[in-house]
Amino acid sequence: MGPVPGFFIVGSPKCGTTAMSEYLRTHPQVFLSDPKEPGFFAEDVVPTAYRTLDEYLAIFAAATSQHTVVGEASTSYIYAEHALERIRNLRPDARLVVMLRRPVDLIYALHDELLRVGQESEFDFEKAWALWPDRARGKAIPPGAKAPQLNYRWIGCLGSQADRLLRIFPRRQVHFILFDDFVRDTRSAYLRLLEFLDLPDDGRTHFPKINEGVQHRSRFLARFPRYLRAKAGGRVAAFKKFVGVRELGIVKGFDRFNADASPRPPLLPEFRRSLEELYSEEILLLEQRIGVDLSAWRTSVAASAP
């Protein structure tokens, strides 16, 4: 059994969490779990291979005394119903990181990601968005997925999520990072995170892009990950855990073959404006809870989702 982690990147999805966790992973005083997203505290939201606390803690067993920060990064924790309370019950002094971006860009990018990994079956985002009431009742959910993963409406409610988080953990234990700041000056955002974690600068100056969004050349091939997950998802997860690997490479190989690097087309302006209006109160609440001016987020932009 390994140590109890004291650091969690809890969200939000598609906001740079994978990149930031990979940058931290090479810091000599940091130990991050492998896999990156164990999802142990959000088993109601995402499939997890860890049935007990001992099994979960075992993924930190390789941490040594030189690792002053031990943690993981599961983006489902921020929107899962009970994950944050479970983390607090296990580690009340945990330090949490939340990465944030415009809600509309977030959910549009998330839809693309869920398509890529086979947990979304509706290729048209407007149609997928319209399905959320049915999916909340357990209908129209693809094999291998869970309803909360597909509730784009709630996942974009960043103000409510931040409000709930700060009712569970004191503000001093939570560090917020805006995606725009992270992209604009990645090193500065990285250094501020190191300061939050009481870590020295490791001198990193190279910050390669990681986990960029892609389109699919073929929708038929894009369905392969979903088919594999439905037919053998549990057995594949158990086998990866048994042999101690993060990925078998089969799905990633299909992804690379089927990837199209051209940017995803922007949302239709009218649909985007309706979503921005829906989330305007959430943005105001988020401003109040984290003390950051987010007026730029309330300005309509015809952005595509990276």
Protein backbone atom coordinates (compact mmCIF):
# COMPACT_ATOMS: atom_id res chain seq x y z
CA MET A 1 0.00 0.00 0.00
CA GLY A 2 1.27 3.47 -0.88
CA PRO A 3 1.00 6.84 0.86
CA VAL A 4 -2.22 8.83 0.97
CA PRO A 5 -2.02 11.50 -1.75
CA GLY A 6 -2.16 15.10 -0.60
CA PHE A 7 -2.49 16.84 -3.96
CA PHE A 8 -5.29 16.57 -6.50
CA ILE A 9 -5.93 18.22 -9.85
CA VAL A 10 -9.71 17.86 -9.63
CA GLY A 11 -10.74 19.56 -12.90
CA SER A 12 -12.06 20.93 -15.03
CA PRO A 13 -11.86 18.68 -18.11
CA LYS A 14 -10.33 20.03 -21.33
CA CYS A 15 -8.67 22.92 -19.53
CA GLY A 16 -5.01 21.86 -19.70
CA THR A 17 -5.00 19.38 -16.82
CA THR A 18 -3.24 16.65 -18.79
CA ALA A 19 -0.50 19.03 -19.89
CA MET A 20 0.00 20.46 -16.41
CA SER A 21 0.14 17.02 -14.81
CA GLU A 22 2.72 15.87 -17.35
CA TYR A 23 4.86 18.94 -16.67
CA LEU A 24 4.66 18.27 -12.93
CA ARG A 25 5.43 14.58 -13.38
CA THR A 26 9.08 15.30 -14.24
CA HIS A 27 9.66 17.50 -11.18
CA PRO A 28 12.06 15.58 -8.91
CA GLN A 29 9.94 16.22 -5.81
CA VAL A 30 6.59 15.26 -7.34
CA PHE A 31 5.03 11.82 -7.65
CA LEU A 32 1.88 11.59 -9.75
CA SER A 33 -0.16 8.45 -10.19
CA ASP A 34 0.04 6.26 -13.24
CA PRO A 35 -2.62 6.22 -14.66
CA LYS A 36 -3.11 9.96 -14.58
CA GLU A 37 -6.88 9.74 -13.93
CA PRO A 38 -7.67 6.87 -11.57
CA GLY A 39 -11.11 8.36 -10.85
CA PHE A 40 -11.33 6.46 -7.55
CA PHE A 41 -13.46 9.04 -5.73
CA ALA A 42 -15.91 9.42 -8.64
CA GLU A 43 -16.87 5.84 -9.37
CA ASP A 44 -20.46 7.04 -9.91
CA VAL A 45 -19.22 9.19 -12.81
CA VAL A 46 -16.41 7.32 -14.55
CA PRO A 47 -15.38 3.65 -14.75
CA THR A 48 -12.55 2.90 -12.32
CA ALA A 49 -10.37 -0.18 -11.90
CA TYR A 50 -9.91 0.34 -8.14
CA ARG A 51 -12.49 -1.34 -5.93
CA THR A 52 -10.94 -0.67 -2.52
CA LEU A 53 -8.90 2.05 -0.86
CA ASP A 54 -5.91 -0.28 -0.60
CA GLU A 55 -6.03 -0.93 -4.35
CA TYR A 56 -6.17 2.81 -4.99
CA LEU A 57 -3.30 3.65 -2.64
CA ALA A 58 -1.17 0.97 -4.28
CA ILE A 59 -0.74 3.19 -7.33
CA PHE A 60 1.32 5.55 -5.13
CA ALA A 61 3.52 2.80 -3.71
CA ALA A 62 6.55 3.82 -5.78
CA ALA A 63 6.70 7.25 -4.15
CA THR A 64 9.86 7.79 -2.10
CA SER A 65 10.99 10.16 0.61
CA GLN A 66 12.23 12.60 -2.03
CA HIS A 67 8.66 13.10 -3.26
CA THR A 68 7.30 15.86 -1.06
CA VAL A 69 4.18 16.12 -3.21
CA VAL A 70 2.19 12.97 -4.02
CA GLY A 71 -1.00 13.22 -6.01
CA GLU A 72 -3.17 12.53 -9.00
CA ALA A 73 -5.31 14.31 -11.59
CA SER A 74 -8.91 13.19 -12.18
CA THR A 75 -11.03 15.82 -13.89
CA SER A 76 -14.29 14.12 -12.96
CA TYR A 77 -13.87 15.02 -9.29
CA ILE A 78 -14.99 18.63 -9.75
CA TYR A 79 -18.43 17.71 -11.10
CA ALA A 80 -18.99 14.31 -9.41
CA GLU A 81 -21.63 14.32 -6.72
CA HIS A 82 -19.58 13.11 -3.75
CA ALA A 83 -15.92 12.99 -4.86
CA LEU A 84 -14.82 16.17 -3.09
CA GLU A 85 -16.34 15.08 0.23
CA ARG A 86 -14.62 11.70 -0.13
CA ILE A 87 -11.27 13.39 -0.70
CA ARG A 88 -11.81 15.60 2.36
CA ASN A 89 -12.73 12.60 4.50
CA LEU A 90 -9.52 10.84 3.49
CA ARG A 91 -7.24 13.88 3.48
CA PRO A 92 -8.69 17.05 5.07
CA ASP A 93 -5.47 19.00 4.41
CA ALA A 94 -5.37 18.10 0.69
CA ARG A 95 -4.36 20.80 -1.77
CA LEU A 96 -6.56 21.01 -4.85
CA VAL A 97 -6.04 22.56 -8.27
CA VAL A 98 -8.86 23.59 -10.57
CA MET A 99 -8.21 24.66 -14.17
CA LEU A 100 -10.98 26.66 -15.83
CA ARG A 101 -11.97 28.01 -19.24
CA ARG A 102 -15.02 29.51 -20.92
CA PRO A 103 -17.85 27.06 -20.21
CA VAL A 104 -19.01 26.85 -23.84
CA ASP A 105 -15.50 26.09 -25.11
CA LEU A 106 -15.07 23.55 -22.32
CA ILE A 107 -18.16 21.49 -23.09
CA TYR A 108 -17.62 21.66 -26.85
CA ALA A 109 -14.06 20.37 -26.42
CA LEU A 110 -15.26 17.72 -23.96
CA HIS A 111 -17.78 16.43 -26.47
CA ASP A 112 -14.94 15.98 -28.97
CA GLU A 113 -12.84 14.15 -26.38
CA LEU A 114 -15.66 11.80 -25.42
CA LEU A 115 -16.18 10.99 -29.08
CA ARG A 116 -12.48 10.19 -29.40
CA VAL A 117 -12.44 7.77 -26.45
CA GLY A 118 -15.70 6.12 -27.41
CA GLN A 119 -17.89 7.41 -24.57
CA GLU A 120 -20.11 9.57 -26.78
CA SER A 121 -22.22 8.27 -29.64
CA GLU A 122 -23.75 11.48 -31.03
CA PHE A 123 -21.33 13.25 -33.38
CA ASP A 124 -23.38 16.45 -33.64
CA PHE A 125 -22.82 18.53 -30.50
CA GLU A 126 -26.17 20.33 -30.70
CA LYS A 127 -27.95 16.97 -30.74
CA ALA A 128 -25.71 15.64 -27.94
CA TRP A 129 -26.51 18.74 -25.86
CA ALA A 130 -30.23 18.23 -26.41
CA LEU A 131 -29.96 14.67 -25.09
CA TRP A 132 -28.92 15.65 -21.56
CA PRO A 133 -32.44 15.45 -20.03
CA ASP A 134 -32.90 11.91 -21.39
CA ARG A 135 -29.42 10.91 -20.32
CA ALA A 136 -30.08 12.22 -16.81
CA ARG A 137 -32.86 9.61 -16.71
CA GLY A 138 -30.49 6.89 -17.87
CA LYS A 139 -31.51 6.87 -21.54
CA ALA A 140 -29.42 7.17 -24.74
CA ILE A 141 -26.16 6.41 -22.91
CA PRO A 142 -23.47 4.67 -25.01
CA PRO A 143 -21.99 1.37 -23.74
CA GLY A 144 -19.06 1.99 -21.40
CA ALA A 145 -20.17 5.53 -20.47
CA LYS A 146 -22.03 6.87 -17.44
CA ALA A 147 -24.74 9.52 -17.47
CA PRO A 148 -22.85 12.22 -15.49
CA GLN A 149 -20.01 12.17 -18.06
CA LEU A 150 -22.51 13.23 -20.72
CA ASN A 151 -24.32 15.93 -18.74
CA TYR A 152 -22.68 18.80 -20.60
CA ARG A 153 -25.03 21.29 -18.99
CA TRP A 154 -23.83 20.56 -15.44
CA ILE A 155 -20.18 20.14 -16.42
CA GLY A 156 -20.22 23.73 -17.70
CA CYS A 157 -21.64 25.10 -14.43
CA LEU A 158 -18.25 26.24 -13.14
CA GLY A 159 -19.60 28.81 -10.70
CA SER A 160 -21.77 26.28 -8.89
CA GLN A 161 -18.93 23.76 -8.84
CA ALA A 162 -16.45 26.31 -7.43
CA ASP A 163 -19.02 27.38 -4.84
CA ARG A 164 -19.51 23.79 -3.70
CA LEU A 165 -15.76 23.12 -3.64
CA LEU A 166 -15.09 26.15 -1.46
CA ARG A 167 -17.76 25.05 0.98
CA ILE A 168 -15.87 21.77 1.41
CA PHE A 169 -12.26 23.00 1.39
CA PRO A 170 -10.90 26.34 2.65
CA ARG A 171 -9.78 28.79 -0.03
CA ARG A 172 -6.13 28.55 1.04
CA GLN A 173 -6.10 24.87 -0.02
CA VAL A 174 -7.41 25.54 -3.52
CA HIS A 175 -5.52 26.97 -6.50
CA PHE A 176 -7.40 28.13 -9.59
CA ILE A 177 -5.75 28.39 -13.01
CA LEU A 178 -7.43 30.04 -15.99
CA PHE A 179 -6.86 28.24 -19.28
CA ASP A 180 -6.27 31.54 -21.08
CA ASP A 181 -3.44 32.41 -18.65
CA PHE A 182 -2.03 28.91 -18.93
CA VAL A 183 -1.86 29.14 -22.73
CA ARG A 184 -0.61 32.74 -22.78
CA ASP A 185 2.29 32.23 -20.35
CA THR A 186 2.63 28.58 -19.43
CA ARG A 187 5.83 28.98 -17.44
CA SER A 188 4.34 31.67 -15.21
CA ALA A 189 1.27 29.51 -14.55
CA TYR A 190 3.57 26.57 -13.81
CA LEU A 191 5.69 28.61 -11.39
CA ARG A 192 2.62 29.86 -9.52
CA LEU A 193 1.48 26.26 -9.12
CA LEU A 194 4.90 25.25 -7.79
CA GLU A 195 4.65 28.07 -5.26
CA PHE A 196 1.21 26.84 -4.17
CA LEU A 197 2.68 23.37 -3.67
CA ASP A 198 5.74 24.72 -1.79
CA LEU A 199 8.03 23.36 -4.49
CA PRO A 200 11.22 24.93 -5.88
CA ASP A 201 11.56 25.86 -9.53
CA ASP A 202 12.94 22.86 -11.40
CA GLY A 203 14.11 25.06 -14.25
CA ARG A 204 11.62 23.73 -16.81
CA THR A 205 11.41 26.06 -19.80
CA HIS A 206 9.98 23.72 -22.45
CA PHE A 207 6.23 23.20 -22.35
CA PRO A 208 5.15 21.09 -25.33
CA LYS A 209 1.50 20.90 -26.32
CA ILE A 210 -0.14 17.77 -24.98
CA ASN A 211 -3.51 16.15 -25.68
CA GLU A 212 -4.61 18.56 -28.40
CA GLY A 213 -8.06 17.98 -29.83
CA VAL A 214 -8.42 16.40 -33.26
CA GLN A 215 -11.20 15.60 -35.67
CA HIS A 216 -11.94 12.18 -37.16
CA ARG A 217 -11.42 11.42 -40.81
CA SER A 218 -13.86 8.52 -40.55
CA ARG A 219 -16.81 8.31 -38.17
CA PHE A 220 -16.89 4.55 -38.74
CA LEU A 221 -13.34 4.14 -37.39
CA ALA A 222 -14.08 6.59 -34.58
CA ARG A 223 -16.68 4.12 -33.29
CA PHE A 224 -14.00 1.45 -32.71
CA PRO A 225 -13.01 2.62 -29.19
CA ARG A 226 -16.67 2.53 -28.15
CA TYR A 227 -17.07 -0.97 -29.58
CA LEU A 228 -13.92 -2.17 -27.79
CA ARG A 229 -15.04 -0.60 -24.51
CA ALA A 230 -18.48 -2.19 -24.78
CA LYS A 231 -17.19 -5.66 -25.64
CA ALA A 232 -14.10 -5.90 -23.49
CA GLY A 233 -13.70 -2.69 -21.50
CA GLY A 234 -13.60 -4.30 -18.07
CA ARG A 235 -11.23 -7.08 -19.15
CA VAL A 236 -8.92 -4.59 -20.89
CA ALA A 237 -8.79 -2.38 -17.78
CA ALA A 238 -8.04 -5.39 -15.58
CA PHE A 239 -5.30 -6.58 -17.94
CA LYS A 240 -3.63 -3.15 -18.02
CA LYS A 241 -3.72 -3.08 -14.24
CA PHE A 242 -2.27 -6.61 -14.03
CA VAL A 243 0.66 -5.94 -16.36
CA GLY A 244 1.23 -2.44 -14.99
CA VAL A 245 0.82 -0.36 -18.16
CA ARG A 246 -1.13 2.83 -18.77
CA GLU A 247 -2.24 2.01 -22.32
CA LEU A 248 -2.17 -1.00 -24.62
CA GLY A 249 -1.79 1.30 -27.60
CA ILE A 250 -4.52 -0.27 -29.75
CA VAL A 251 -7.04 2.54 -29.38
CA LYS A 252 -4.31 5.18 -29.61
CA GLY A 253 -3.10 3.60 -32.83
CA PHE A 254 -6.57 3.90 -34.34
CA ASP A 255 -6.78 7.48 -33.08
CA ARG A 256 -3.53 8.41 -34.79
CA PHE A 257 -4.58 6.73 -38.02
CA ASN A 258 -7.99 8.42 -37.97
CA ALA A 259 -6.85 11.86 -36.75
CA ASP A 260 -7.34 15.04 -38.74
CA ALA A 261 -5.31 17.96 -37.40
CA SER A 262 -7.56 20.64 -38.90
CA PRO A 263 -9.46 22.67 -36.28
CA ARG A 264 -12.98 21.72 -35.37
CA PRO A 265 -15.53 24.08 -36.95
CA PRO A 266 -16.98 26.71 -34.60
CA LEU A 267 -20.45 26.36 -33.17
CA LEU A 268 -23.24 28.07 -35.05
CA PRO A 269 -23.41 31.65 -33.71
CA GLU A 270 -27.05 31.45 -32.61
CA PHE A 271 -26.49 28.20 -30.71
CA ARG A 272 -23.31 29.54 -29.12
CA ARG A 273 -25.06 32.72 -27.97
CA SER A 274 -27.83 30.67 -26.38
CA LEU A 275 -25.25 28.68 -24.42
CA GLU A 276 -23.37 31.80 -23.37
CA GLU A 277 -26.61 33.32 -22.09
CA LEU A 278 -27.35 30.13 -20.19
CA TYR A 279 -23.95 30.25 -18.45
CA SER A 280 -23.79 34.01 -17.80
CA GLU A 281 -24.97 33.68 -14.18
CA GLU A 282 -22.51 30.85 -13.62
CA ILE A 283 -19.66 33.08 -14.79
CA LEU A 284 -20.76 35.85 -12.42
CA LEU A 285 -20.87 33.38 -9.53
CA LEU A 286 -17.43 32.07 -10.44
CA GLU A 287 -16.05 35.63 -10.43
CA GLN A 288 -17.39 36.15 -6.93
CA ARG A 289 -16.06 32.88 -5.57
CA ILE A 290 -12.52 33.03 -6.98
CA GLY A 291 -12.08 36.83 -7.05
CA VAL A 292 -11.01 37.10 -10.70
CA ASP A 293 -12.44 39.40 -13.38
CA LEU A 294 -14.02 37.17 -16.02
CA SER A 295 -15.77 39.87 -18.03
CA ALA A 296 -13.97 38.65 -21.17
CA TRP A 297 -15.81 35.33 -20.82
CA ARG A 298 -19.10 37.17 -21.20
CA THR A 299 -18.07 38.48 -24.61
CA SER A 300 -19.33 36.28 -27.41
CA VAL A 301 -16.62 34.72 -29.55
CA ALA A 302 -16.90 32.34 -32.48
CA ALA A 303 -14.17 30.03 -31.18
CA SER A 304 -13.51 26.46 -32.17
CA ALA A 305 -12.61 23.94 -29.48
CA PRO A 306 -8.95 22.90 -29.40
